Amino acid sequence: MQNNPQYDVITSGYVSMDRIIKLKTPARVGFTSLVENRTSADIRYGGCSVNISYDLCRLGIRSLPVMRVGDDYEQIGFKGFLEQGKISLTATEVVPGERTSVCYLLQDNEGQHITLFYPGAMDARFARPLPDSIFTGARLGVMTVGSRPDNEAFFAMCKKHSLPLVFSMKGDMDAFPRDFLEELLSYSSIIFTNEVERQAIEQILGVDLRAMLDRGRCSLLITTLGRQGSDCWYKADGAGEKTHVPICTCGGPVVDATGSGDAFVAGFLYGFLRGKDPRTCAMLGTVLSSFVIEQEGCCAGAPTEEQLLERLGQFERMLKGGR
């Protein structure tokens, strides 16, 4: 396939202006909970599609997020953030009179989370057909979670341009009803889920997700397992194989796990696009995640290619029993 002279990867999904609020006590109706982090009012730019594109661009992979923003996106600093990250605005549409999507992430002292989301400019009513020009010649399309009309429009363009699809599953059954979910899984070349999402899919479809390696186009199926690492199933010489990779503990302490799943996807795809084997791709995923969790916010800790590869070397030595 001829590569697009501008973009390697096209990503789709909600934009999110995150505010991370850490509570000293569990949130309860009728009671006031004290906020313990002074950064609770700060905006952390992200959203699954943006996180993946930002991480990839830092690594020298040309990634383009397809998104809509409100007419406030310059005022709140989001435009500057994208430009600083060398992310093209070619597929960014500004919706006049609307706000950029906002997410409030509440975390209590027991580590439990409540997520509140205002879709704003990413609301389904603003969905539009997508131009052919941004898909022509690209190497991968990455679908995360967005409104159903946006998901369907992105999927249609991937099929039209025979663009291999990477499906990063999120637990939103309004966006992915059963028939559409089954169609996506059958078409996808690479499928990412966490353990909970995989169990939900298997319950809905009544099938072991590993069957996609035989039934559909899928050649790589990855399930992240939190602190237990990740499992990757793949085809080798016509047979199914599995590799397990533990988490990378070469970095600093965990500050904020928000965005770590998207970082894993970005690291894995970086390896894939560089021609690495499945195990190395999974190692790159967990190494990239180890950077992101060291700082608050989904993209704040995103490494350069040099930093990523240096820590990958440390991780490889650790797995071999060295230092």
C-alpha atoms as a PDB file:
ATOM      1  CA  MET A   1       0.000   0.000   0.000  1.00  0.00           C
ATOM      2  CA  GLN A   2       1.311   3.443  -0.895  1.00  0.00           C
ATOM      3  CA  ASN A   3       1.775   5.559   2.206  1.00  0.00           C
ATOM      4  CA  ASN A   4       0.017   8.884   2.617  1.00  0.00           C
ATOM      5  CA  PRO A   5       2.698  11.581   2.272  1.00  0.00           C
ATOM      6  CA  GLN A   6       1.252  13.300   5.326  1.00  0.00           C
ATOM      7  CA  TYR A   7      -0.211  10.718   7.746  1.00  0.00           C
ATOM      8  CA  ASP A   8       0.561   7.164   8.850  1.00  0.00           C
ATOM      9  CA  VAL A   9      -2.313   6.761  11.324  1.00  0.00           C
ATOM     10  CA  ILE A  10      -5.804   8.288  11.433  1.00  0.00           C
ATOM     11  CA  THR A  11      -7.519   8.188  14.842  1.00  0.00           C
ATOM     12  CA  SER A  12     -11.154   8.654  15.801  1.00  0.00           C
ATOM     13  CA  GLY A  13     -12.895   9.207  19.135  1.00  0.00           C
ATOM     14  CA  TYR A  14     -14.048  11.715  21.709  1.00  0.00           C
ATOM     15  CA  VAL A  15     -11.953  14.738  22.630  1.00  0.00           C
ATOM     16  CA  SER A  16     -11.758  15.344  26.379  1.00  0.00           C
ATOM     17  CA  MET A  17     -10.705  18.339  28.451  1.00  0.00           C
ATOM     18  CA  ASP A  18     -10.041  16.447  31.681  1.00  0.00           C
ATOM     19  CA  ARG A  19     -10.231  17.816  35.179  1.00  0.00           C
ATOM     20  CA  ILE A  20      -8.881  15.303  37.676  1.00  0.00           C
ATOM     21  CA  ILE A  21     -10.457  15.692  41.110  1.00  0.00           C
ATOM     22  CA  LYS A  22      -9.058  13.657  43.996  1.00  0.00           C
ATOM     23  CA  LEU A  23     -11.342  13.405  47.031  1.00  0.00           C
ATOM     24  CA  LYS A  24     -10.281  12.772  50.614  1.00  0.00           C
ATOM     25  CA  THR A  25     -13.474  10.800  51.275  1.00  0.00           C
ATOM     26  CA  PRO A  26     -15.886   8.817  49.081  1.00  0.00           C
ATOM     27  CA  ALA A  27     -18.509  10.996  47.363  1.00  0.00           C
ATOM     28  CA  ARG A  28     -21.892  10.685  49.088  1.00  0.00           C
ATOM     29  CA  VAL A  29     -25.236  12.374  48.474  1.00  0.00           C
ATOM     30  CA  GLY A  30     -25.936  14.984  51.150  1.00  0.00           C
ATOM     31  CA  PHE A  31     -22.303  15.270  52.280  1.00  0.00           C
ATOM     32  CA  THR A  32     -19.480  17.592  51.267  1.00  0.00           C
ATOM     33  CA  SER A  33     -16.290  15.883  50.125  1.00  0.00           C
ATOM     34  CA  LEU A  34     -13.009  17.770  50.379  1.00  0.00           C
ATOM     35  CA  VAL A  35     -10.806  17.952  47.296  1.00  0.00           C
ATOM     36  CA  GLU A  36      -7.156  17.239  48.078  1.00  0.00           C
ATOM     37  CA  ASN A  37      -5.329  18.108  44.841  1.00  0.00           C
ATOM     38  CA  ARG A  38      -4.705  21.778  44.083  1.00  0.00           C
ATOM     39  CA  THR A  39      -4.535  20.878  40.374  1.00  0.00           C
ATOM     40  CA  SER A  40      -8.234  19.929  40.345  1.00  0.00           C
ATOM     41  CA  ALA A  41      -9.162  23.036  38.327  1.00  0.00           C
ATOM     42  CA  ASP A  42      -6.380  22.538  35.766  1.00  0.00           C
ATOM     43  CA  ILE A  43      -7.334  21.260  32.326  1.00  0.00           C
ATOM     44  CA  ARG A  44      -5.557  18.119  31.152  1.00  0.00           C
ATOM     45  CA  TYR A  45      -5.943  17.828  27.393  1.00  0.00           C
ATOM     46  CA  GLY A  46      -6.853  14.432  26.047  1.00  0.00           C
ATOM     47  CA  GLY A  47      -9.464  11.972  24.894  1.00  0.00           C
ATOM     48  CA  CYS A  48      -8.511   8.509  23.614  1.00  0.00           C
ATOM     49  CA  SER A  49      -7.971   9.583  20.011  1.00  0.00           C
ATOM     50  CA  VAL A  50      -5.941  12.637  21.007  1.00  0.00           C
ATOM     51  CA  ASN A  51      -3.867  10.657  23.520  1.00  0.00           C
ATOM     52  CA  ILE A  52      -2.886   8.047  20.942  1.00  0.00           C
ATOM     53  CA  SER A  53      -2.098  10.625  18.252  1.00  0.00           C
ATOM     54  CA  TYR A  54      -0.092  12.780  20.655  1.00  0.00           C
ATOM     55  CA  ASP A  55       1.994   9.836  21.859  1.00  0.00           C
ATOM     56  CA  LEU A  56       2.635   8.644  18.291  1.00  0.00           C
ATOM     57  CA  CYS A  57       3.617  12.104  17.048  1.00  0.00           C
ATOM     58  CA  ARG A  58       6.132  12.365  19.900  1.00  0.00           C
ATOM     59  CA  LEU A  59       7.665   9.152  18.545  1.00  0.00           C
ATOM     60  CA  GLY A  60       7.899  10.361  14.961  1.00  0.00           C
ATOM     61  CA  ILE A  61       4.790   8.577  13.673  1.00  0.00           C
ATOM     62  CA  ARG A  62       2.548  10.902  11.653  1.00  0.00           C
ATOM     63  CA  SER A  63      -0.829  10.569  13.344  1.00  0.00           C
ATOM     64  CA  LEU A  64      -3.955  12.625  12.634  1.00  0.00           C
ATOM     65  CA  PRO A  65      -6.960  12.786  15.011  1.00  0.00           C
ATOM     66  CA  VAL A  66     -10.383  13.308  13.431  1.00  0.00           C
ATOM     67  CA  MET A  67     -12.280  15.525  15.866  1.00  0.00           C
ATOM     68  CA  ARG A  68     -14.625  18.422  16.506  1.00  0.00           C
ATOM     69  CA  VAL A  69     -13.912  21.166  19.019  1.00  0.00           C
ATOM     70  CA  GLY A  70     -15.821  24.137  20.384  1.00  0.00           C
ATOM     71  CA  ASP A  71     -15.035  27.740  19.537  1.00  0.00           C
ATOM     72  CA  ASP A  72     -13.357  27.930  22.950  1.00  0.00           C
ATOM     73  CA  TYR A  73     -10.532  25.553  22.006  1.00  0.00           C
ATOM     74  CA  GLU A  74      -7.996  28.299  21.388  1.00  0.00           C
ATOM     75  CA  GLN A  75      -8.936  30.209  24.549  1.00  0.00           C
ATOM     76  CA  ILE A  76      -8.552  27.143  26.794  1.00  0.00           C
ATOM     77  CA  GLY A  77      -5.154  26.321  25.321  1.00  0.00           C
ATOM     78  CA  PHE A  78      -6.119  23.155  23.453  1.00  0.00           C
ATOM     79  CA  LYS A  79      -5.106  24.508  20.047  1.00  0.00           C
ATOM     80  CA  GLY A  80      -1.694  25.478  21.402  1.00  0.00           C
ATOM     81  CA  PHE A  81      -1.311  22.045  22.985  1.00  0.00           C
ATOM     82  CA  LEU A  82      -1.981  20.346  19.642  1.00  0.00           C
ATOM     83  CA  GLU A  83       0.407  22.633  17.789  1.00  0.00           C
ATOM     84  CA  GLN A  84       3.114  22.138  20.419  1.00  0.00           C
ATOM     85  CA  GLY A  85       2.706  18.377  19.970  1.00  0.00           C
ATOM     86  CA  LYS A  86       3.042  18.771  16.180  1.00  0.00           C
ATOM     87  CA  ILE A  87      -0.474  17.412  15.680  1.00  0.00           C
ATOM     88  CA  SER A  88      -2.065  18.549  12.429  1.00  0.00           C
ATOM     89  CA  LEU A  89      -5.401  20.395  12.608  1.00  0.00           C
ATOM     90  CA  THR A  90      -6.340  19.202   9.104  1.00  0.00           C
ATOM     91  CA  ALA A  91      -9.183  17.012  10.430  1.00  0.00           C
ATOM     92  CA  THR A  92     -10.248  19.365  13.252  1.00  0.00           C
ATOM     93  CA  GLU A  93     -13.642  21.025  12.798  1.00  0.00           C
ATOM     94  CA  VAL A  94     -14.665  23.989  14.970  1.00  0.00           C
ATOM     95  CA  VAL A  95     -18.363  24.003  15.964  1.00  0.00           C
ATOM     96  CA  PRO A  96     -19.478  27.636  16.490  1.00  0.00           C
ATOM     97  CA  GLY A  97     -21.419  28.336  19.688  1.00  0.00           C
ATOM     98  CA  GLU A  98     -20.460  25.021  21.316  1.00  0.00           C
ATOM     99  CA  ARG A  99     -17.857  24.046  23.916  1.00  0.00           C
ATOM    100  CA  THR A 100     -15.061  21.533  23.573  1.00  0.00           C
ATOM    101  CA  SER A 101     -15.886  18.227  25.309  1.00  0.00           C
ATOM    102  CA  VAL A 102     -15.286  18.245  29.069  1.00  0.00           C
ATOM    103  CA  CYS A 103     -14.656  15.336  31.435  1.00  0.00           C
ATOM    104  CA  TYR A 104     -14.579  15.401  35.244  1.00  0.00           C
ATOM    105  CA  LEU A 105     -12.678  12.451  36.709  1.00  0.00           C
ATOM    106  CA  LEU A 106     -13.436  11.964  40.401  1.00  0.00           C
ATOM    107  CA  GLN A 107     -11.198   9.662  42.424  1.00  0.00           C
ATOM    108  CA  ASP A 108     -11.876   8.976  46.094  1.00  0.00           C
ATOM    109  CA  ASN A 109      -9.434   7.887  48.801  1.00  0.00           C
ATOM    110  CA  GLU A 110     -10.185   4.231  48.049  1.00  0.00           C
ATOM    111  CA  GLY A 111      -9.166   4.556  44.398  1.00  0.00           C
ATOM    112  CA  GLN A 112     -12.745   4.349  43.108  1.00  0.00           C
ATOM    113  CA  HIS A 113     -13.670   6.478  40.117  1.00  0.00           C
ATOM    114  CA  ILE A 114     -16.697   8.437  38.907  1.00  0.00           C
ATOM    115  CA  THR A 115     -16.545   9.900  35.391  1.00  0.00           C
ATOM    116  CA  LEU A 116     -18.762  12.789  34.245  1.00  0.00           C
ATOM    117  CA  PHE A 117     -18.669  13.732  30.554  1.00  0.00           C
ATOM    118  CA  TYR A 118     -20.162  16.578  28.527  1.00  0.00           C
ATOM    119  CA  PRO A 119     -19.747  15.759  24.803  1.00  0.00           C
ATOM    120  CA  GLY A 120     -20.135  19.339  23.569  1.00  0.00           C
ATOM    121  CA  ALA A 121     -18.835  19.655  20.014  1.00  0.00           C
ATOM    122  CA  MET A 122     -18.371  15.870  19.833  1.00  0.00           C
ATOM    123  CA  ASP A 123     -22.105  15.284  20.315  1.00  0.00           C
ATOM    124  CA  ALA A 124     -23.685  12.991  17.726  1.00  0.00           C
ATOM    125  CA  ARG A 125     -25.857  15.774  16.304  1.00  0.00           C
ATOM    126  CA  PHE A 126     -22.752  17.441  14.858  1.00  0.00           C
ATOM    127  CA  ALA A 127     -21.530  14.309  13.053  1.00  0.00           C
ATOM    128  CA  ARG A 128     -20.713  14.850   9.383  1.00  0.00           C
ATOM    129  CA  PRO A 129     -19.402  12.770   6.461  1.00  0.00           C
ATOM    130  CA  LEU A 130     -15.608  12.613   6.414  1.00  0.00           C
ATOM    131  CA  PRO A 131     -13.427  13.679   3.458  1.00  0.00           C
ATOM    132  CA  ASP A 132     -11.608  11.067   1.397  1.00  0.00           C
ATOM    133  CA  SER A 133      -8.417  13.103   1.388  1.00  0.00           C
ATOM    134  CA  ILE A 134      -7.403  12.320   4.982  1.00  0.00           C
ATOM    135  CA  PHE A 135      -7.728   8.545   4.490  1.00  0.00           C
ATOM    136  CA  THR A 136      -6.039   8.124   1.114  1.00  0.00           C
ATOM    137  CA  GLY A 137      -2.802   6.178   1.487  1.00  0.00           C
ATOM    138  CA  ALA A 138      -2.762   6.070   5.306  1.00  0.00           C
ATOM    139  CA  ARG A 139      -1.417   2.894   6.914  1.00  0.00           C
ATOM    140  CA  LEU A 140      -3.854   2.387   9.807  1.00  0.00           C
ATOM    141  CA  GLY A 141      -7.180   3.691  11.082  1.00  0.00           C
ATOM    142  CA  VAL A 142      -7.652   3.607  14.870  1.00  0.00           C
ATOM    143  CA  MET A 143     -11.171   3.667  16.292  1.00  0.00           C
ATOM    144  CA  THR A 144     -11.660   4.446  19.964  1.00  0.00           C
ATOM    145  CA  VAL A 145     -14.968   5.518  21.508  1.00  0.00           C
ATOM    146  CA  GLY A 146     -17.080   8.255  19.932  1.00  0.00           C
ATOM    147  CA  SER A 147     -20.735   8.773  19.118  1.00  0.00           C
ATOM    148  CA  ARG A 148     -22.300   6.026  17.041  1.00  0.00           C
ATOM    149  CA  PRO A 149     -22.733   8.232  13.908  1.00  0.00           C
ATOM    150  CA  ASP A 150     -19.077   9.265  14.140  1.00  0.00           C
ATOM    151  CA  ASN A 151     -17.975   5.656  14.602  1.00  0.00           C
ATOM    152  CA  GLU A 152     -20.043   4.549  11.621  1.00  0.00           C
ATOM    153  CA  ALA A 153     -18.716   7.344   9.399  1.00  0.00           C
ATOM    154  CA  PHE A 154     -15.107   6.529  10.306  1.00  0.00           C
ATOM    155  CA  PHE A 155     -15.651   2.805   9.763  1.00  0.00           C
ATOM    156  CA  ALA A 156     -17.244   3.444   6.366  1.00  0.00           C
ATOM    157  CA  MET A 157     -14.210   5.429   5.230  1.00  0.00           C
ATOM    158  CA  CYS A 158     -11.788   2.763   6.441  1.00  0.00           C
ATOM    159  CA  LYS A 159     -13.665   0.182   4.383  1.00  0.00           C
ATOM    160  CA  LYS A 160     -13.913   2.468   1.357  1.00  0.00           C
ATOM    161  CA  HIS A 161     -10.156   3.000   1.347  1.00  0.00           C
ATOM    162  CA  SER A 162      -9.290  -0.592   2.380  1.00  0.00           C
ATOM    163  CA  LEU A 163      -7.572   0.861   5.432  1.00  0.00           C
ATOM    164  CA  PRO A 164      -6.664  -1.723   8.103  1.00  0.00           C
ATOM    165  CA  LEU A 165      -8.637  -0.969  11.260  1.00  0.00           C
ATOM    166  CA  VAL A 166      -7.308  -0.983  14.806  1.00  0.00           C
ATOM    167  CA  PHE A 167     -10.180  -1.246  17.281  1.00  0.00           C
ATOM    168  CA  SER A 168      -9.479  -0.011  20.796  1.00  0.00           C
ATOM    169  CA  MET A 169     -12.593  -1.153  22.612  1.00  0.00           C
ATOM    170  CA  LYS A 170     -14.261   0.966  25.280  1.00  0.00           C
ATOM    171  CA  GLY A 171     -17.227  -0.029  27.425  1.00  0.00           C
ATOM    172  CA  ASP A 172     -19.897   2.036  25.652  1.00  0.00           C
ATOM    173  CA  MET A 173     -22.636  -0.151  24.240  1.00  0.00           C
ATOM    174  CA  ASP A 174     -24.587   2.863  22.953  1.00  0.00           C
ATOM    175  CA  ALA A 175     -21.651   3.603  20.661  1.00  0.00           C
ATOM    176  CA  PHE A 176     -21.115  -0.084  19.840  1.00  0.00           C
ATOM    177  CA  PRO A 177     -24.449  -1.968  19.736  1.00  0.00           C
ATOM    178  CA  ARG A 178     -24.211  -5.688  19.090  1.00  0.00           C
ATOM    179  CA  ASP A 179     -24.596  -5.778  15.287  1.00  0.00           C
ATOM    180  CA  PHE A 180     -22.153  -2.922  14.767  1.00  0.00           C
ATOM    181  CA  LEU A 181     -19.715  -4.370  17.302  1.00  0.00           C
ATOM    182  CA  GLU A 182     -19.708  -7.720  15.519  1.00  0.00           C
ATOM    183  CA  GLU A 183     -19.072  -6.020  12.173  1.00  0.00           C
ATOM    184  CA  LEU A 184     -16.202  -3.993  13.646  1.00  0.00           C
ATOM    185  CA  LEU A 185     -14.557  -7.018  15.220  1.00  0.00           C
ATOM    186  CA  SER A 186     -14.830  -9.027  12.001  1.00  0.00           C
ATOM    187  CA  TYR A 187     -13.156  -6.251   9.993  1.00  0.00           C
ATOM    188  CA  SER A 188     -10.477  -5.212  12.492  1.00  0.00           C
ATOM    189  CA  SER A 189      -6.857  -6.227  11.944  1.00  0.00           C
ATOM    190  CA  ILE A 190      -5.784  -5.421  15.523  1.00  0.00           C
ATOM    191  CA  ILE A 191      -8.075  -5.491  18.576  1.00  0.00           C
ATOM    192  CA  PHE A 192      -7.250  -3.978  21.971  1.00  0.00           C
ATOM    193  CA  THR A 193      -9.342  -4.526  25.108  1.00  0.00           C
ATOM    194  CA  ASN A 194      -8.835  -4.584  28.832  1.00  0.00           C
ATOM    195  CA  GLU A 195      -9.982  -7.590  30.827  1.00  0.00           C
ATOM    196  CA  VAL A 196     -13.410  -6.168  31.704  1.00  0.00           C
ATOM    197  CA  GLU A 197     -14.110  -5.043  28.130  1.00  0.00           C
ATOM    198  CA  ARG A 198     -13.124  -8.422  26.746  1.00  0.00           C
ATOM    199  CA  GLN A 199     -15.444 -10.243  29.146  1.00  0.00           C
ATOM    200  CA  ALA A 200     -18.279  -7.879  28.190  1.00  0.00           C
ATOM    201  CA  ILE A 201     -17.747  -8.524  24.473  1.00  0.00           C
ATOM    202  CA  GLU A 202     -17.628 -12.277  24.961  1.00  0.00           C
ATOM    203  CA  GLN A 203     -20.820 -12.190  27.009  1.00  0.00           C
ATOM    204  CA  ILE A 204     -22.645 -10.078  24.422  1.00  0.00           C
ATOM    205  CA  LEU A 205     -21.523 -12.119  21.414  1.00  0.00           C
ATOM    206  CA  GLY A 206     -21.403 -15.495  23.139  1.00  0.00           C
ATOM    207  CA  VAL A 207     -17.985 -16.300  21.702  1.00  0.00           C
ATOM    208  CA  ASP A 208     -14.377 -16.392  22.852  1.00  0.00           C
ATOM    209  CA  LEU A 209     -12.770 -13.292  21.360  1.00  0.00           C
ATOM    210  CA  ARG A 210      -9.760 -15.372  20.318  1.00  0.00           C
ATOM    211  CA  ALA A 211     -12.015 -16.875  17.653  1.00  0.00           C
ATOM    212  CA  MET A 212     -11.596 -13.606  15.728  1.00  0.00           C
ATOM    213  CA  LEU A 213      -8.081 -14.768  14.837  1.00  0.00           C
ATOM    214  CA  ASP A 214      -9.690 -17.509  12.749  1.00  0.00           C
ATOM    215  CA  ARG A 215     -13.035 -15.992  11.739  1.00  0.00           C
ATOM    216  CA  GLY A 216     -12.171 -12.418  10.800  1.00  0.00           C
ATOM    217  CA  ARG A 217      -9.248 -10.363   9.566  1.00  0.00           C
ATOM    218  CA  CYS A 218      -7.725 -10.057  13.020  1.00  0.00           C
ATOM    219  CA  SER A 219      -4.032 -10.928  13.243  1.00  0.00           C
ATOM    220  CA  LEU A 220      -3.340  -9.433  16.696  1.00  0.00           C
ATOM    221  CA  LEU A 221      -5.551  -9.538  19.787  1.00  0.00           C
ATOM    222  CA  ILE A 222      -4.274  -7.780  22.895  1.00  0.00           C
ATOM    223  CA  THR A 223      -5.816  -7.781  26.371  1.00  0.00           C
ATOM    224  CA  THR A 224      -4.317  -5.564  29.052  1.00  0.00           C
ATOM    225  CA  LEU A 225      -4.525  -6.945  32.585  1.00  0.00           C
ATOM    226  CA  GLY A 226      -3.691  -3.954  34.775  1.00  0.00           C
ATOM    227  CA  ARG A 227      -0.859  -4.772  37.170  1.00  0.00           C
ATOM    228  CA  GLN A 228      -0.670  -8.286  35.723  1.00  0.00           C
ATOM    229  CA  GLY A 229       0.661  -7.000  32.396  1.00  0.00           C
ATOM    230  CA  SER A 230      -0.806  -7.952  29.033  1.00  0.00           C
ATOM    231  CA  ASP A 231      -1.563 -10.961  26.863  1.00  0.00           C
ATOM    232  CA  CYS A 232      -1.133 -10.888  23.096  1.00  0.00           C
ATOM    233  CA  TRP A 233      -2.527 -13.540  20.767  1.00  0.00           C
ATOM    234  CA  TYR A 234      -1.320 -13.608  17.177  1.00  0.00           C
ATOM    235  CA  LYS A 235      -1.002 -15.788  14.110  1.00  0.00           C
ATOM    236  CA  ALA A 236       2.328 -17.444  13.342  1.00  0.00           C
ATOM    237  CA  ASP A 237       2.707 -19.897  10.447  1.00  0.00           C
ATOM    238  CA  GLY A 238      -1.053 -20.365  10.366  1.00  0.00           C
ATOM    239  CA  ALA A 239      -1.318 -21.254  14.051  1.00  0.00           C
ATOM    240  CA  GLY A 240      -2.392 -19.177  17.017  1.00  0.00           C
ATOM    241  CA  GLU A 241       0.330 -18.132  19.468  1.00  0.00           C
ATOM    242  CA  LYS A 242       0.282 -16.253  22.771  1.00  0.00           C
ATOM    243  CA  THR A 243       2.837 -14.106  24.550  1.00  0.00           C
ATOM    244  CA  HIS A 244       2.570 -12.524  27.998  1.00  0.00           C
ATOM    245  CA  VAL A 245       4.411  -9.348  28.966  1.00  0.00           C
ATOM    246  CA  PRO A 246       4.554  -8.059  32.566  1.00  0.00           C
ATOM    247  CA  ILE A 247       4.247  -4.370  33.385  1.00  0.00           C
ATOM    248  CA  CYS A 248       7.340  -2.202  33.144  1.00  0.00           C
ATOM    249  CA  THR A 249       8.562  -1.110  36.576  1.00  0.00           C
ATOM    250  CA  CYS A 250      11.680   0.698  35.353  1.00  0.00           C
ATOM    251  CA  GLY A 251      10.214   4.164  35.873  1.00  0.00           C
ATOM    252  CA  GLY A 252       9.150   6.236  38.847  1.00  0.00           C
ATOM    253  CA  PRO A 253       6.141   5.856  41.166  1.00  0.00           C
ATOM    254  CA  VAL A 254       2.571   5.896  39.856  1.00  0.00           C
ATOM    255  CA  VAL A 255       1.074   9.396  40.037  1.00  0.00           C
ATOM    256  CA  ASP A 256      -1.929   9.056  37.715  1.00  0.00           C
ATOM    257  CA  ALA A 257      -2.978   6.045  35.638  1.00  0.00           C
ATOM    258  CA  THR A 258      -5.298   8.097  33.402  1.00  0.00           C
ATOM    259  CA  GLY A 259      -4.335   7.562  29.763  1.00  0.00           C
ATOM    260  CA  SER A 260      -2.169   4.511  30.420  1.00  0.00           C
ATOM    261  CA  GLY A 261      -4.358   2.278  28.240  1.00  0.00           C
ATOM    262  CA  ASP A 262      -4.118   4.678  25.305  1.00  0.00           C
ATOM    263  CA  ALA A 263      -0.359   4.913  25.856  1.00  0.00           C
ATOM    264  CA  PHE A 264      -0.136   1.118  25.628  1.00  0.00           C
ATOM    265  CA  VAL A 265      -1.983   1.215  22.294  1.00  0.00           C
ATOM    266  CA  ALA A 266       0.324   3.950  20.983  1.00  0.00           C
ATOM    267  CA  GLY A 267       3.472   2.121  22.068  1.00  0.00           C
ATOM    268  CA  PHE A 268       2.266  -1.139  20.546  1.00  0.00           C
ATOM    269  CA  LEU A 269       1.374   0.550  17.239  1.00  0.00           C
ATOM    270  CA  TYR A 270       4.724   2.334  17.159  1.00  0.00           C
ATOM    271  CA  GLY A 271       6.382  -1.079  17.294  1.00  0.00           C
ATOM    272  CA  PHE A 272       3.981  -2.537  14.743  1.00  0.00           C
ATOM    273  CA  LEU A 273       4.619   0.260  12.243  1.00  0.00           C
ATOM    274  CA  ARG A 274       8.362  -0.174  12.778  1.00  0.00           C
ATOM    275  CA  GLY A 275       8.071  -3.868  11.873  1.00  0.00           C
ATOM    276  CA  LYS A 276       8.617  -5.306  15.364  1.00  0.00           C
ATOM    277  CA  ASP A 277       7.400  -8.752  16.461  1.00  0.00           C
ATOM    278  CA  PRO A 278       4.260  -9.005  18.670  1.00  0.00           C
ATOM    279  CA  ARG A 279       6.170  -9.464  21.928  1.00  0.00           C
ATOM    280  CA  THR A 280       8.358  -6.424  21.310  1.00  0.00           C
ATOM    281  CA  CYS A 281       5.256  -4.419  20.368  1.00  0.00           C
ATOM    282  CA  ALA A 282       3.632  -5.353  23.689  1.00  0.00           C
ATOM    283  CA  MET A 283       6.831  -4.444  25.522  1.00  0.00           C
ATOM    284  CA  LEU A 284       6.854  -1.040  23.835  1.00  0.00           C
ATOM    285  CA  GLY A 285       3.233  -0.610  24.912  1.00  0.00           C
ATOM    286  CA  THR A 286       3.925  -1.238  28.578  1.00  0.00           C
ATOM    287  CA  VAL A 287       7.112   0.854  28.493  1.00  0.00           C
ATOM    288  CA  LEU A 288       5.243   3.834  27.042  1.00  0.00           C
ATOM    289  CA  SER A 289       2.542   3.402  29.692  1.00  0.00           C
ATOM    290  CA  SER A 290       5.222   3.532  32.386  1.00  0.00           C
ATOM    291  CA  PHE A 291       6.108   7.077  31.303  1.00  0.00           C
ATOM    292  CA  VAL A 292       2.524   8.334  31.217  1.00  0.00           C
ATOM    293  CA  ILE A 293       1.641   7.170  34.742  1.00  0.00           C
ATOM    294  CA  GLU A 294       4.552   9.144  36.214  1.00  0.00           C
ATOM    295  CA  GLN A 295       2.738  12.464  35.742  1.00  0.00           C
ATOM    296  CA  GLU A 296      -0.807  13.757  36.161  1.00  0.00           C
ATOM    297  CA  GLY A 297      -2.702  13.953  32.886  1.00  0.00           C
ATOM    298  CA  CYS A 298      -2.955  11.659  29.874  1.00  0.00           C
ATOM    299  CA  CYS A 299      -0.173  13.167  27.762  1.00  0.00           C
ATOM    300  CA  ALA A 300       2.090  15.039  30.185  1.00  0.00           C
ATOM    301  CA  GLY A 301       4.627  12.220  30.466  1.00  0.00           C
ATOM    302  CA  ALA A 302       4.723  11.189  26.794  1.00  0.00           C
ATOM    303  CA  PRO A 303       8.357  10.324  25.946  1.00  0.00           C
ATOM    304  CA  THR A 304      10.474  11.001  22.897  1.00  0.00           C
ATOM    305  CA  GLU A 305      11.556   8.082  20.727  1.00  0.00           C
ATOM    306  CA  GLU A 306      15.018   8.170  22.297  1.00  0.00           C
ATOM    307  CA  GLN A 307      13.598   8.053  25.837  1.00  0.00           C
ATOM    308  CA  LEU A 308      11.234   5.208  24.932  1.00  0.00           C
ATOM    309  CA  LEU A 309      13.961   3.055  23.410  1.00  0.00           C
ATOM    310  CA  GLU A 310      16.336   3.711  26.290  1.00  0.00           C
ATOM    311  CA  ARG A 311      13.775   2.490  28.823  1.00  0.00           C
ATOM    312  CA  LEU A 312      12.885  -0.440  26.563  1.00  0.00           C
ATOM    313  CA  GLY A 313      16.515  -1.518  26.860  1.00  0.00           C
ATOM    314  CA  GLN A 314      16.295  -1.277  30.652  1.00  0.00           C
ATOM    315  CA  PHE A 315      13.088  -3.328  30.602  1.00  0.00           C
ATOM    316  CA  GLU A 316      14.654  -6.020  28.413  1.00  0.00           C
ATOM    317  CA  ARG A 317      17.617  -6.307  30.780  1.00  0.00           C
ATOM    318  CA  MET A 318      15.253  -6.511  33.762  1.00  0.00           C
ATOM    319  CA  LEU A 319      13.317  -9.367  32.144  1.00  0.00           C
ATOM    320  CA  LYS A 320      16.577 -11.215  31.523  1.00  0.00           C
ATOM    321  CA  GLY A 321      17.507 -10.870  35.182  1.00  0.00           C
ATOM    322  CA  GLY A 322      19.964  -8.024  34.792  1.00  0.00           C
ATOM    323  CA  ARG A 323      19.755  -4.407  35.869  1.00  0.00           C
END
